[in-house]
Amino acid sequence: MIKNILIILLMVLVGWLSIDYLHLKLPTFPTGDKYKITQAKKTLSNHKREKTKQPSLHQKVFNVHVKHQDQDTESIDTLLRQNRFYDALAFYLDHCTPVNVKKIKAYLSTLAKINPDLALEYMQVFLDNAPQSGISKLMIKTYISQKNFYKAIDLMMQEKENATSDLEEKRLSSWIKEISLKHIDRLMKQEEYGQLIAFLEEMMAYNNNNGFYSFRLAQLYMKLDKVEEASVLLHELEYDEVYAQNVTKMLKSIEKVDEDNEGYQYAIPLQKYGDHYAVNVSLDGTEVTLMLDTGATI
């Protein structure tokens, strides 16, 4: 009896151990762990795909360079659009590119049509800080449009001194002569003879081999009846290839005036009456005596 009970207990113990063993061999994962593993695989897969899409080092440098250029262009455009010229100039000095030069020139060209005085002020500042920018040509044109020919000529002479070729120097010389004629005509119409004489003398000193300014000054002296001054200049131009013919005519006219003055020797005798003088003249055959009122005792 006892033996049978022991056998039954042993069988129950073996069965319980078998079930526990099976549970250890067949474990199950919680739902959360499955999700984490799945997500890790997806992340790794995505990382691999992204890695294959990464740009090369050259491409990265190119992209950064292009982006930087775009920011520069937008920055100077914004500054000029807001009329912050001095900020734009400071930006340009840090980014001296042909594109930025063109943008500043375009801005100043537009401003010259609206406010030429302010535009010329900005142009001068730009020229002082960036002398190789080529802004002087725009300045010259703006001065001419404002009829400030003297300033334009002065700037053209500076450009001529810095000319890098004979062709450029010749072009500037022709331009200077053209604008000088306009300046001369303007001063003549305004009867600003003192300014005109000073200008012509200055131009003669600047270019003493050019009879153009000497001949104009001689003409002006003739107009002002300064015959002696005109004669000196004309004799200097007597053999000039361009003005010799006109000079000869003018000298002959001066000589004729001198001859006429020398030939006139008639004098009217005066007769003294107390503190006054009188002249005897004949009017239509009638002899009369005229008293001269000098307004003061002689």
C-alpha atoms as a PDB file:
ATOM      1  CA  MET A   1       0.000   0.000   0.000  1.00  0.00           C
ATOM      2  CA  ILE A   2       2.706   2.433   1.002  1.00  0.00           C
ATOM      3  CA  LYS A   3       4.676   1.376  -2.032  1.00  0.00           C
ATOM      4  CA  ASN A   4       1.850   2.287  -4.355  1.00  0.00           C
ATOM      5  CA  ILE A   5       1.492   5.732  -2.795  1.00  0.00           C
ATOM      6  CA  LEU A   6       5.206   6.415  -3.250  1.00  0.00           C
ATOM      7  CA  ILE A   7       5.023   5.411  -6.916  1.00  0.00           C
ATOM      8  CA  ILE A   8       2.087   7.784  -7.520  1.00  0.00           C
ATOM      9  CA  LEU A   9       3.927  10.715  -5.850  1.00  0.00           C
ATOM     10  CA  LEU A  10       7.026  10.021  -7.912  1.00  0.00           C
ATOM     11  CA  MET A  11       5.016  10.098 -11.145  1.00  0.00           C
ATOM     12  CA  VAL A  12       3.415  13.443 -10.193  1.00  0.00           C
ATOM     13  CA  LEU A  13       6.846  14.900  -9.394  1.00  0.00           C
ATOM     14  CA  VAL A  14       8.282  13.738 -12.745  1.00  0.00           C
ATOM     15  CA  GLY A  15       5.287  15.204 -14.612  1.00  0.00           C
ATOM     16  CA  TRP A  16       5.636  18.591 -12.879  1.00  0.00           C
ATOM     17  CA  LEU A  17       9.366  18.731 -13.622  1.00  0.00           C
ATOM     18  CA  SER A  18       8.676  17.884 -17.277  1.00  0.00           C
ATOM     19  CA  ILE A  19       6.230  20.782 -17.661  1.00  0.00           C
ATOM     20  CA  ASP A  20       8.685  23.236 -16.047  1.00  0.00           C
ATOM     21  CA  TYR A  21      11.426  22.004 -18.365  1.00  0.00           C
ATOM     22  CA  LEU A  22       9.260  22.571 -21.437  1.00  0.00           C
ATOM     23  CA  HIS A  23       8.515  26.117 -20.272  1.00  0.00           C
ATOM     24  CA  LEU A  24      12.224  26.880 -20.059  1.00  0.00           C
ATOM     25  CA  LYS A  25      12.900  25.571 -23.540  1.00  0.00           C
ATOM     26  CA  LEU A  26      10.055  27.493 -25.141  1.00  0.00           C
ATOM     27  CA  PRO A  27      10.218  31.076 -23.821  1.00  0.00           C
ATOM     28  CA  THR A  28       8.197  33.893 -25.395  1.00  0.00           C
ATOM     29  CA  PHE A  29       9.321  37.586 -25.988  1.00  0.00           C
ATOM     30  CA  PRO A  30       7.257  40.429 -24.629  1.00  0.00           C
ATOM     31  CA  THR A  31       5.572  42.605 -27.288  1.00  0.00           C
ATOM     32  CA  GLY A  32       7.694  45.655 -26.342  1.00  0.00           C
ATOM     33  CA  ASP A  33      11.002  43.878 -26.970  1.00  0.00           C
ATOM     34  CA  LYS A  34       9.850  42.735 -30.402  1.00  0.00           C
ATOM     35  CA  TYR A  35       9.058  46.363 -31.314  1.00  0.00           C
ATOM     36  CA  LYS A  36      12.471  47.559 -30.200  1.00  0.00           C
ATOM     37  CA  ILE A  37      14.342  44.994 -32.253  1.00  0.00           C
ATOM     38  CA  THR A  38      12.223  45.693 -35.321  1.00  0.00           C
ATOM     39  CA  GLN A  39      12.827  49.423 -35.002  1.00  0.00           C
ATOM     40  CA  ALA A  40      16.573  48.893 -34.560  1.00  0.00           C
ATOM     41  CA  LYS A  41      16.690  46.959 -37.814  1.00  0.00           C
ATOM     42  CA  LYS A  42      14.768  49.658 -39.611  1.00  0.00           C
ATOM     43  CA  THR A  43      17.083  52.369 -38.253  1.00  0.00           C
ATOM     44  CA  LEU A  44      20.167  50.448 -39.328  1.00  0.00           C
ATOM     45  CA  SER A  45      18.682  49.913 -42.777  1.00  0.00           C
ATOM     46  CA  ASN A  46      17.814  53.576 -43.122  1.00  0.00           C
ATOM     47  CA  HIS A  47      21.297  54.587 -41.968  1.00  0.00           C
ATOM     48  CA  LYS A  48      22.850  52.418 -44.653  1.00  0.00           C
ATOM     49  CA  ARG A  49      20.635  53.973 -47.308  1.00  0.00           C
ATOM     50  CA  GLU A  50      21.398  57.514 -46.081  1.00  0.00           C
ATOM     51  CA  LYS A  51      25.101  56.762 -46.092  1.00  0.00           C
ATOM     52  CA  THR A  52      24.997  55.890 -49.760  1.00  0.00           C
ATOM     53  CA  LYS A  53      23.310  59.234 -50.448  1.00  0.00           C
ATOM     54  CA  GLN A  54      25.902  61.402 -48.632  1.00  0.00           C
ATOM     55  CA  PRO A  55      27.663  63.884 -51.008  1.00  0.00           C
ATOM     56  CA  SER A  56      31.378  63.708 -51.599  1.00  0.00           C
ATOM     57  CA  LEU A  57      33.767  66.136 -49.943  1.00  0.00           C
ATOM     58  CA  HIS A  58      34.070  68.090 -53.222  1.00  0.00           C
ATOM     59  CA  GLN A  59      30.298  68.362 -53.458  1.00  0.00           C
ATOM     60  CA  LYS A  60      30.084  69.626 -49.861  1.00  0.00           C
ATOM     61  CA  VAL A  61      32.667  72.360 -50.539  1.00  0.00           C
ATOM     62  CA  PHE A  62      30.891  73.379 -53.745  1.00  0.00           C
ATOM     63  CA  ASN A  63      27.523  73.594 -52.008  1.00  0.00           C
ATOM     64  CA  VAL A  64      28.928  75.747 -49.207  1.00  0.00           C
ATOM     65  CA  HIS A  65      30.629  78.050 -51.748  1.00  0.00           C
ATOM     66  CA  VAL A  66      27.456  78.519 -53.772  1.00  0.00           C
ATOM     67  CA  LYS A  67      25.414  79.119 -50.635  1.00  0.00           C
ATOM     68  CA  HIS A  68      27.949  81.712 -49.451  1.00  0.00           C
ATOM     69  CA  GLN A  69      27.833  83.495 -52.810  1.00  0.00           C
ATOM     70  CA  ASP A  70      24.045  83.624 -52.701  1.00  0.00           C
ATOM     71  CA  GLN A  71      24.142  85.140 -49.225  1.00  0.00           C
ATOM     72  CA  ASP A  72      26.675  87.785 -50.359  1.00  0.00           C
ATOM     73  CA  THR A  73      24.541  88.781 -53.350  1.00  0.00           C
ATOM     74  CA  GLU A  74      21.393  88.976 -51.273  1.00  0.00           C
ATOM     75  CA  SER A  75      23.166  91.006 -48.596  1.00  0.00           C
ATOM     76  CA  ILE A  76      24.500  93.733 -50.879  1.00  0.00           C
ATOM     77  CA  ASP A  77      21.197  93.851 -52.756  1.00  0.00           C
ATOM     78  CA  THR A  78      19.366  94.329 -49.481  1.00  0.00           C
ATOM     79  CA  LEU A  79      21.728  97.069 -48.293  1.00  0.00           C
ATOM     80  CA  LEU A  80      21.458  99.009 -51.540  1.00  0.00           C
ATOM     81  CA  ARG A  81      17.708  98.526 -51.708  1.00  0.00           C
ATOM     82  CA  GLN A  82      17.498 100.091 -48.238  1.00  0.00           C
ATOM     83  CA  ASN A  83      19.765 102.976 -49.406  1.00  0.00           C
ATOM     84  CA  ARG A  84      22.432 101.997 -46.876  1.00  0.00           C
ATOM     85  CA  PHE A  85      25.284 102.922 -49.183  1.00  0.00           C
ATOM     86  CA  TYR A  86      28.050 103.131 -46.587  1.00  0.00           C
ATOM     87  CA  ASP A  87      27.113  99.698 -45.229  1.00  0.00           C
ATOM     88  CA  ALA A  88      27.090  98.364 -48.785  1.00  0.00           C
ATOM     89  CA  LEU A  89      30.512  99.899 -49.378  1.00  0.00           C
ATOM     90  CA  ALA A  90      31.896  98.281 -46.229  1.00  0.00           C
ATOM     91  CA  PHE A  91      30.439  94.975 -47.395  1.00  0.00           C
ATOM     92  CA  TYR A  92      32.018  95.442 -50.827  1.00  0.00           C
ATOM     93  CA  LEU A  93      35.445  96.112 -49.349  1.00  0.00           C
ATOM     94  CA  ASP A  94      35.216  92.681 -47.698  1.00  0.00           C
ATOM     95  CA  HIS A  95      33.834  91.074 -50.872  1.00  0.00           C
ATOM     96  CA  CYS A  96      35.560  92.762 -53.833  1.00  0.00           C
ATOM     97  CA  THR A  97      33.928  90.906 -56.700  1.00  0.00           C
ATOM     98  CA  PRO A  98      33.015  92.136 -60.207  1.00  0.00           C
ATOM     99  CA  VAL A  99      29.375  91.321 -59.494  1.00  0.00           C
ATOM    100  CA  ASN A 100      29.300  93.581 -56.445  1.00  0.00           C
ATOM    101  CA  VAL A 101      31.006  96.398 -58.373  1.00  0.00           C
ATOM    102  CA  LYS A 102      28.301  96.206 -61.036  1.00  0.00           C
ATOM    103  CA  LYS A 103      25.594  96.324 -58.399  1.00  0.00           C
ATOM    104  CA  ILE A 104      27.034  99.439 -56.764  1.00  0.00           C
ATOM    105  CA  LYS A 105      27.487 101.142 -60.150  1.00  0.00           C
ATOM    106  CA  ALA A 106      23.910 100.342 -61.114  1.00  0.00           C
ATOM    107  CA  TYR A 107      22.682 101.769 -57.809  1.00  0.00           C
ATOM    108  CA  LEU A 108      24.692 104.994 -58.235  1.00  0.00           C
ATOM    109  CA  SER A 109      23.624 105.375 -61.865  1.00  0.00           C
ATOM    110  CA  THR A 110      19.967 105.209 -60.834  1.00  0.00           C
ATOM    111  CA  LEU A 111      20.539 107.560 -57.895  1.00  0.00           C
ATOM    112  CA  ALA A 112      22.226 110.097 -60.223  1.00  0.00           C
ATOM    113  CA  LYS A 113      18.938 110.518 -62.082  1.00  0.00           C
ATOM    114  CA  ILE A 114      17.040 111.188 -58.854  1.00  0.00           C
ATOM    115  CA  ASN A 115      19.541 112.992 -56.632  1.00  0.00           C
ATOM    116  CA  PRO A 116      22.723 113.779 -58.614  1.00  0.00           C
ATOM    117  CA  ASP A 117      24.398 115.713 -55.792  1.00  0.00           C
ATOM    118  CA  LEU A 118      24.070 112.795 -53.361  1.00  0.00           C
ATOM    119  CA  ALA A 119      25.096 110.362 -56.082  1.00  0.00           C
ATOM    120  CA  LEU A 120      28.264 112.360 -56.779  1.00  0.00           C
ATOM    121  CA  GLU A 121      29.058 112.394 -53.055  1.00  0.00           C
ATOM    122  CA  TYR A 122      28.746 108.600 -52.914  1.00  0.00           C
ATOM    123  CA  MET A 123      30.744 108.220 -56.139  1.00  0.00           C
ATOM    124  CA  GLN A 124      33.614 110.252 -54.716  1.00  0.00           C
ATOM    125  CA  VAL A 125      33.670 108.103 -51.573  1.00  0.00           C
ATOM    126  CA  PHE A 126      33.595 104.964 -53.710  1.00  0.00           C
ATOM    127  CA  LEU A 127      36.404 106.309 -55.909  1.00  0.00           C
ATOM    128  CA  ASP A 128      38.545 107.134 -52.866  1.00  0.00           C
ATOM    129  CA  ASN A 129      38.116 103.616 -51.462  1.00  0.00           C
ATOM    130  CA  ALA A 130      38.119 101.695 -54.743  1.00  0.00           C
ATOM    131  CA  PRO A 131      40.125 103.708 -57.323  1.00  0.00           C
ATOM    132  CA  GLN A 132      40.244 100.767 -59.744  1.00  0.00           C
ATOM    133  CA  SER A 133      36.466 100.337 -59.782  1.00  0.00           C
ATOM    134  CA  GLY A 134      35.969 102.431 -62.929  1.00  0.00           C
ATOM    135  CA  ILE A 135      33.420 104.683 -61.223  1.00  0.00           C
ATOM    136  CA  SER A 136      35.170 107.848 -62.507  1.00  0.00           C
ATOM    137  CA  LYS A 137      33.580 107.469 -65.946  1.00  0.00           C
ATOM    138  CA  LEU A 138      30.110 107.562 -64.384  1.00  0.00           C
ATOM    139  CA  MET A 139      31.173 110.589 -62.326  1.00  0.00           C
ATOM    140  CA  ILE A 140      32.312 112.440 -65.455  1.00  0.00           C
ATOM    141  CA  LYS A 141      29.028 111.770 -67.221  1.00  0.00           C
ATOM    142  CA  THR A 142      27.074 112.921 -64.171  1.00  0.00           C
ATOM    143  CA  TYR A 143      29.077 116.158 -63.938  1.00  0.00           C
ATOM    144  CA  ILE A 144      28.464 116.808 -67.640  1.00  0.00           C
ATOM    145  CA  SER A 145      24.726 116.202 -67.271  1.00  0.00           C
ATOM    146  CA  GLN A 146      24.760 118.772 -64.452  1.00  0.00           C
ATOM    147  CA  LYS A 147      26.716 121.186 -66.703  1.00  0.00           C
ATOM    148  CA  ASN A 148      29.545 121.205 -64.196  1.00  0.00           C
ATOM    149  CA  PHE A 149      32.058 121.046 -67.032  1.00  0.00           C
ATOM    150  CA  TYR A 150      35.023 122.222 -64.975  1.00  0.00           C
ATOM    151  CA  LYS A 151      34.716 119.279 -62.549  1.00  0.00           C
ATOM    152  CA  ALA A 152      34.291 116.875 -65.442  1.00  0.00           C
ATOM    153  CA  ILE A 153      37.396 118.219 -67.201  1.00  0.00           C
ATOM    154  CA  ASP A 154      39.445 118.042 -64.011  1.00  0.00           C
ATOM    155  CA  LEU A 155      38.495 114.395 -63.533  1.00  0.00           C
ATOM    156  CA  MET A 156      39.199 113.613 -67.194  1.00  0.00           C
ATOM    157  CA  MET A 157      42.690 115.086 -66.870  1.00  0.00           C
ATOM    158  CA  GLN A 158      43.327 112.801 -63.895  1.00  0.00           C
ATOM    159  CA  GLU A 159      42.132 109.848 -65.946  1.00  0.00           C
ATOM    160  CA  LYS A 160      44.403 110.864 -68.808  1.00  0.00           C
ATOM    161  CA  GLU A 161      47.438 110.913 -66.512  1.00  0.00           C
ATOM    162  CA  ASN A 162      46.627 107.338 -65.494  1.00  0.00           C
ATOM    163  CA  ALA A 163      45.855 106.106 -69.011  1.00  0.00           C
ATOM    164  CA  THR A 164      47.392 102.728 -69.768  1.00  0.00           C
ATOM    165  CA  SER A 165      47.434 103.023 -73.566  1.00  0.00           C
ATOM    166  CA  ASP A 166      47.977 105.621 -76.284  1.00  0.00           C
ATOM    167  CA  LEU A 167      44.488 104.945 -77.597  1.00  0.00           C
ATOM    168  CA  GLU A 168      42.928 105.683 -74.225  1.00  0.00           C
ATOM    169  CA  GLU A 169      45.007 108.846 -73.832  1.00  0.00           C
ATOM    170  CA  LYS A 170      43.980 110.034 -77.296  1.00  0.00           C
ATOM    171  CA  ARG A 171      40.305 109.354 -76.572  1.00  0.00           C
ATOM    172  CA  LEU A 172      40.471 111.348 -73.329  1.00  0.00           C
ATOM    173  CA  SER A 173      42.280 114.260 -75.035  1.00  0.00           C
ATOM    174  CA  SER A 174      39.510 114.477 -77.598  1.00  0.00           C
ATOM    175  CA  TRP A 175      36.865 114.303 -74.881  1.00  0.00           C
ATOM    176  CA  ILE A 176      38.594 117.029 -72.845  1.00  0.00           C
ATOM    177  CA  LYS A 177      38.650 119.326 -75.885  1.00  0.00           C
ATOM    178  CA  GLU A 178      34.968 118.678 -76.573  1.00  0.00           C
ATOM    179  CA  ILE A 179      33.856 119.481 -73.021  1.00  0.00           C
ATOM    180  CA  SER A 180      36.255 122.450 -72.833  1.00  0.00           C
ATOM    181  CA  LEU A 181      34.465 124.030 -75.796  1.00  0.00           C
ATOM    182  CA  LYS A 182      31.166 123.667 -73.971  1.00  0.00           C
ATOM    183  CA  HIS A 183      32.667 125.217 -70.856  1.00  0.00           C
ATOM    184  CA  ILE A 184      34.113 128.130 -72.869  1.00  0.00           C
ATOM    185  CA  ASP A 185      30.794 128.796 -74.621  1.00  0.00           C
ATOM    186  CA  ARG A 186      28.918 128.699 -71.323  1.00  0.00           C
ATOM    187  CA  LEU A 187      31.243 131.188 -69.637  1.00  0.00           C
ATOM    188  CA  MET A 188      31.137 133.461 -72.691  1.00  0.00           C
ATOM    189  CA  LYS A 189      27.327 133.530 -72.657  1.00  0.00           C
ATOM    190  CA  GLN A 190      27.364 134.293 -68.937  1.00  0.00           C
ATOM    191  CA  GLU A 191      30.068 136.949 -69.540  1.00  0.00           C
ATOM    192  CA  GLU A 192      32.199 135.363 -66.847  1.00  0.00           C
ATOM    193  CA  TYR A 193      35.375 136.610 -68.502  1.00  0.00           C
ATOM    194  CA  GLY A 194      37.530 136.448 -65.390  1.00  0.00           C
ATOM    195  CA  GLN A 195      36.729 132.760 -64.857  1.00  0.00           C
ATOM    196  CA  LEU A 196      37.231 132.082 -68.546  1.00  0.00           C
ATOM    197  CA  ILE A 197      40.680 133.712 -68.613  1.00  0.00           C
ATOM    198  CA  ALA A 198      41.710 131.720 -65.527  1.00  0.00           C
ATOM    199  CA  PHE A 199      40.443 128.473 -67.090  1.00  0.00           C
ATOM    200  CA  LEU A 200      42.219 129.050 -70.411  1.00  0.00           C
ATOM    201  CA  GLU A 201      45.486 129.937 -68.678  1.00  0.00           C
ATOM    202  CA  GLU A 202      45.199 126.787 -66.550  1.00  0.00           C
ATOM    203  CA  MET A 203      44.623 124.632 -69.629  1.00  0.00           C
ATOM    204  CA  MET A 204      47.544 126.278 -71.423  1.00  0.00           C
ATOM    205  CA  ALA A 205      49.810 125.383 -68.504  1.00  0.00           C
ATOM    206  CA  TYR A 206      48.463 121.827 -68.507  1.00  0.00           C
ATOM    207  CA  ASN A 207      49.072 121.331 -72.222  1.00  0.00           C
ATOM    208  CA  ASN A 208      51.475 123.964 -73.523  1.00  0.00           C
ATOM    209  CA  ASN A 209      51.943 122.183 -76.856  1.00  0.00           C
ATOM    210  CA  ASN A 210      48.307 122.652 -77.819  1.00  0.00           C
ATOM    211  CA  GLY A 211      47.489 126.006 -79.460  1.00  0.00           C
ATOM    212  CA  PHE A 212      43.754 125.434 -78.975  1.00  0.00           C
ATOM    213  CA  TYR A 213      43.571 127.233 -75.613  1.00  0.00           C
ATOM    214  CA  SER A 214      46.094 129.960 -76.546  1.00  0.00           C
ATOM    215  CA  PHE A 215      44.086 130.881 -79.639  1.00  0.00           C
ATOM    216  CA  ARG A 216      40.819 131.010 -77.632  1.00  0.00           C
ATOM    217  CA  LEU A 217      42.441 133.261 -75.072  1.00  0.00           C
ATOM    218  CA  ALA A 218      43.772 135.551 -77.835  1.00  0.00           C
ATOM    219  CA  GLN A 219      40.251 135.810 -79.258  1.00  0.00           C
ATOM    220  CA  LEU A 220      38.927 136.718 -75.808  1.00  0.00           C
ATOM    221  CA  TYR A 221      41.588 139.401 -75.344  1.00  0.00           C
ATOM    222  CA  MET A 222      40.614 140.895 -78.703  1.00  0.00           C
ATOM    223  CA  LYS A 223      36.989 140.982 -77.623  1.00  0.00           C
ATOM    224  CA  LEU A 224      37.984 142.750 -74.405  1.00  0.00           C
ATOM    225  CA  ASP A 225      40.193 145.214 -76.350  1.00  0.00           C
ATOM    226  CA  LYS A 226      43.308 143.879 -74.672  1.00  0.00           C
ATOM    227  CA  VAL A 227      45.261 144.155 -77.885  1.00  0.00           C
ATOM    228  CA  GLU A 228      48.737 143.893 -76.426  1.00  0.00           C
ATOM    229  CA  GLU A 229      47.933 140.651 -74.563  1.00  0.00           C
ATOM    230  CA  ALA A 230      46.301 139.217 -77.674  1.00  0.00           C
ATOM    231  CA  SER A 231      49.253 140.203 -79.850  1.00  0.00           C
ATOM    232  CA  VAL A 232      51.717 138.348 -77.607  1.00  0.00           C
ATOM    233  CA  LEU A 233      49.717 135.115 -77.842  1.00  0.00           C
ATOM    234  CA  LEU A 234      49.155 135.462 -81.583  1.00  0.00           C
ATOM    235  CA  HIS A 235      52.849 135.892 -82.300  1.00  0.00           C
ATOM    236  CA  GLU A 236      53.479 132.643 -80.404  1.00  0.00           C
ATOM    237  CA  LEU A 237      51.006 130.907 -82.717  1.00  0.00           C
ATOM    238  CA  GLU A 238      52.212 132.566 -85.923  1.00  0.00           C
ATOM    239  CA  TYR A 239      53.668 129.329 -87.274  1.00  0.00           C
ATOM    240  CA  ASP A 240      51.192 126.920 -85.755  1.00  0.00           C
ATOM    241  CA  GLU A 241      50.012 124.333 -88.294  1.00  0.00           C
ATOM    242  CA  VAL A 242      46.381 124.586 -87.215  1.00  0.00           C
ATOM    243  CA  TYR A 243      45.916 128.266 -86.414  1.00  0.00           C
ATOM    244  CA  ALA A 244      48.588 130.018 -88.530  1.00  0.00           C
ATOM    245  CA  GLN A 245      46.119 131.278 -91.148  1.00  0.00           C
ATOM    246  CA  ASN A 246      43.668 132.733 -88.627  1.00  0.00           C
ATOM    247  CA  VAL A 247      46.523 134.163 -86.579  1.00  0.00           C
ATOM    248  CA  THR A 248      47.869 136.018 -89.615  1.00  0.00           C
ATOM    249  CA  LYS A 249      44.468 137.643 -90.250  1.00  0.00           C
ATOM    250  CA  MET A 250      44.135 138.723 -86.633  1.00  0.00           C
ATOM    251  CA  LEU A 251      47.660 140.186 -86.566  1.00  0.00           C
ATOM    252  CA  LYS A 252      46.941 142.174 -89.706  1.00  0.00           C
ATOM    253  CA  SER A 253      43.789 143.591 -88.156  1.00  0.00           C
ATOM    254  CA  ILE A 254      45.799 144.653 -85.101  1.00  0.00           C
ATOM    255  CA  GLU A 255      48.435 146.333 -87.288  1.00  0.00           C
ATOM    256  CA  LYS A 256      45.735 148.210 -89.207  1.00  0.00           C
ATOM    257  CA  VAL A 257      44.244 149.560 -85.998  1.00  0.00           C
ATOM    258  CA  ASP A 258      47.692 150.716 -84.885  1.00  0.00           C
ATOM    259  CA  GLU A 259      48.283 152.469 -88.236  1.00  0.00           C
ATOM    260  CA  ASP A 260      44.940 154.219 -88.053  1.00  0.00           C
ATOM    261  CA  ASN A 261      45.689 155.443 -84.551  1.00  0.00           C
ATOM    262  CA  GLU A 262      49.085 156.758 -85.625  1.00  0.00           C
ATOM    263  CA  GLY A 263      47.596 158.587 -88.648  1.00  0.00           C
ATOM    264  CA  TYR A 264      45.074 160.517 -86.566  1.00  0.00           C
ATOM    265  CA  GLN A 265      46.988 163.615 -85.400  1.00  0.00           C
ATOM    266  CA  TYR A 266      44.285 166.278 -85.488  1.00  0.00           C
ATOM    267  CA  ALA A 267      43.848 168.177 -82.220  1.00  0.00           C
ATOM    268  CA  ILE A 268      41.350 170.873 -81.271  1.00  0.00           C
ATOM    269  CA  PRO A 269      43.027 173.905 -79.664  1.00  0.00           C
ATOM    270  CA  LEU A 270      41.636 175.042 -76.335  1.00  0.00           C
ATOM    271  CA  GLN A 271      41.338 178.623 -75.143  1.00  0.00           C
ATOM    272  CA  LYS A 272      41.412 179.414 -71.445  1.00  0.00           C
ATOM    273  CA  TYR A 273      38.829 181.732 -69.949  1.00  0.00           C
ATOM    274  CA  GLY A 274      39.518 182.188 -66.246  1.00  0.00           C
ATOM    275  CA  ASP A 275      39.150 178.757 -64.666  1.00  0.00           C
ATOM    276  CA  HIS A 276      37.503 177.244 -67.741  1.00  0.00           C
ATOM    277  CA  TYR A 277      38.350 176.339 -71.324  1.00  0.00           C
ATOM    278  CA  ALA A 278      36.564 177.055 -74.594  1.00  0.00           C
ATOM    279  CA  VAL A 279      36.823 175.832 -78.175  1.00  0.00           C
ATOM    280  CA  ASN A 280      36.002 177.674 -81.387  1.00  0.00           C
ATOM    281  CA  VAL A 281      34.059 175.500 -83.851  1.00  0.00           C
ATOM    282  CA  SER A 282      32.108 175.978 -87.046  1.00  0.00           C
ATOM    283  CA  LEU A 283      28.548 174.710 -87.247  1.00  0.00           C
ATOM    284  CA  ASP A 284      26.993 174.936 -90.713  1.00  0.00           C
ATOM    285  CA  GLY A 285      29.303 177.810 -91.578  1.00  0.00           C
ATOM    286  CA  THR A 286      28.637 179.702 -88.379  1.00  0.00           C
ATOM    287  CA  GLU A 287      31.553 180.274 -86.025  1.00  0.00           C
ATOM    288  CA  VAL A 288      30.675 179.642 -82.391  1.00  0.00           C
ATOM    289  CA  THR A 289      32.552 179.398 -79.104  1.00  0.00           C
ATOM    290  CA  LEU A 290      31.734 176.539 -76.747  1.00  0.00           C
ATOM    291  CA  MET A 291      32.592 176.576 -73.079  1.00  0.00           C
ATOM    292  CA  LEU A 292      33.831 173.291 -71.605  1.00  0.00           C
ATOM    293  CA  ASP A 293      32.367 172.457 -68.212  1.00  0.00           C
ATOM    294  CA  THR A 294      34.878 170.121 -66.557  1.00  0.00           C
ATOM    295  CA  GLY A 295      33.117 170.151 -63.219  1.00  0.00           C
ATOM    296  CA  ALA A 296      36.284 171.189 -61.460  1.00  0.00           C
ATOM    297  CA  THR A 297      38.793 174.003 -61.477  1.00  0.00           C
ATOM    298  CA  ILE A 298      41.815 173.280 -63.681  1.00  0.00           C
END
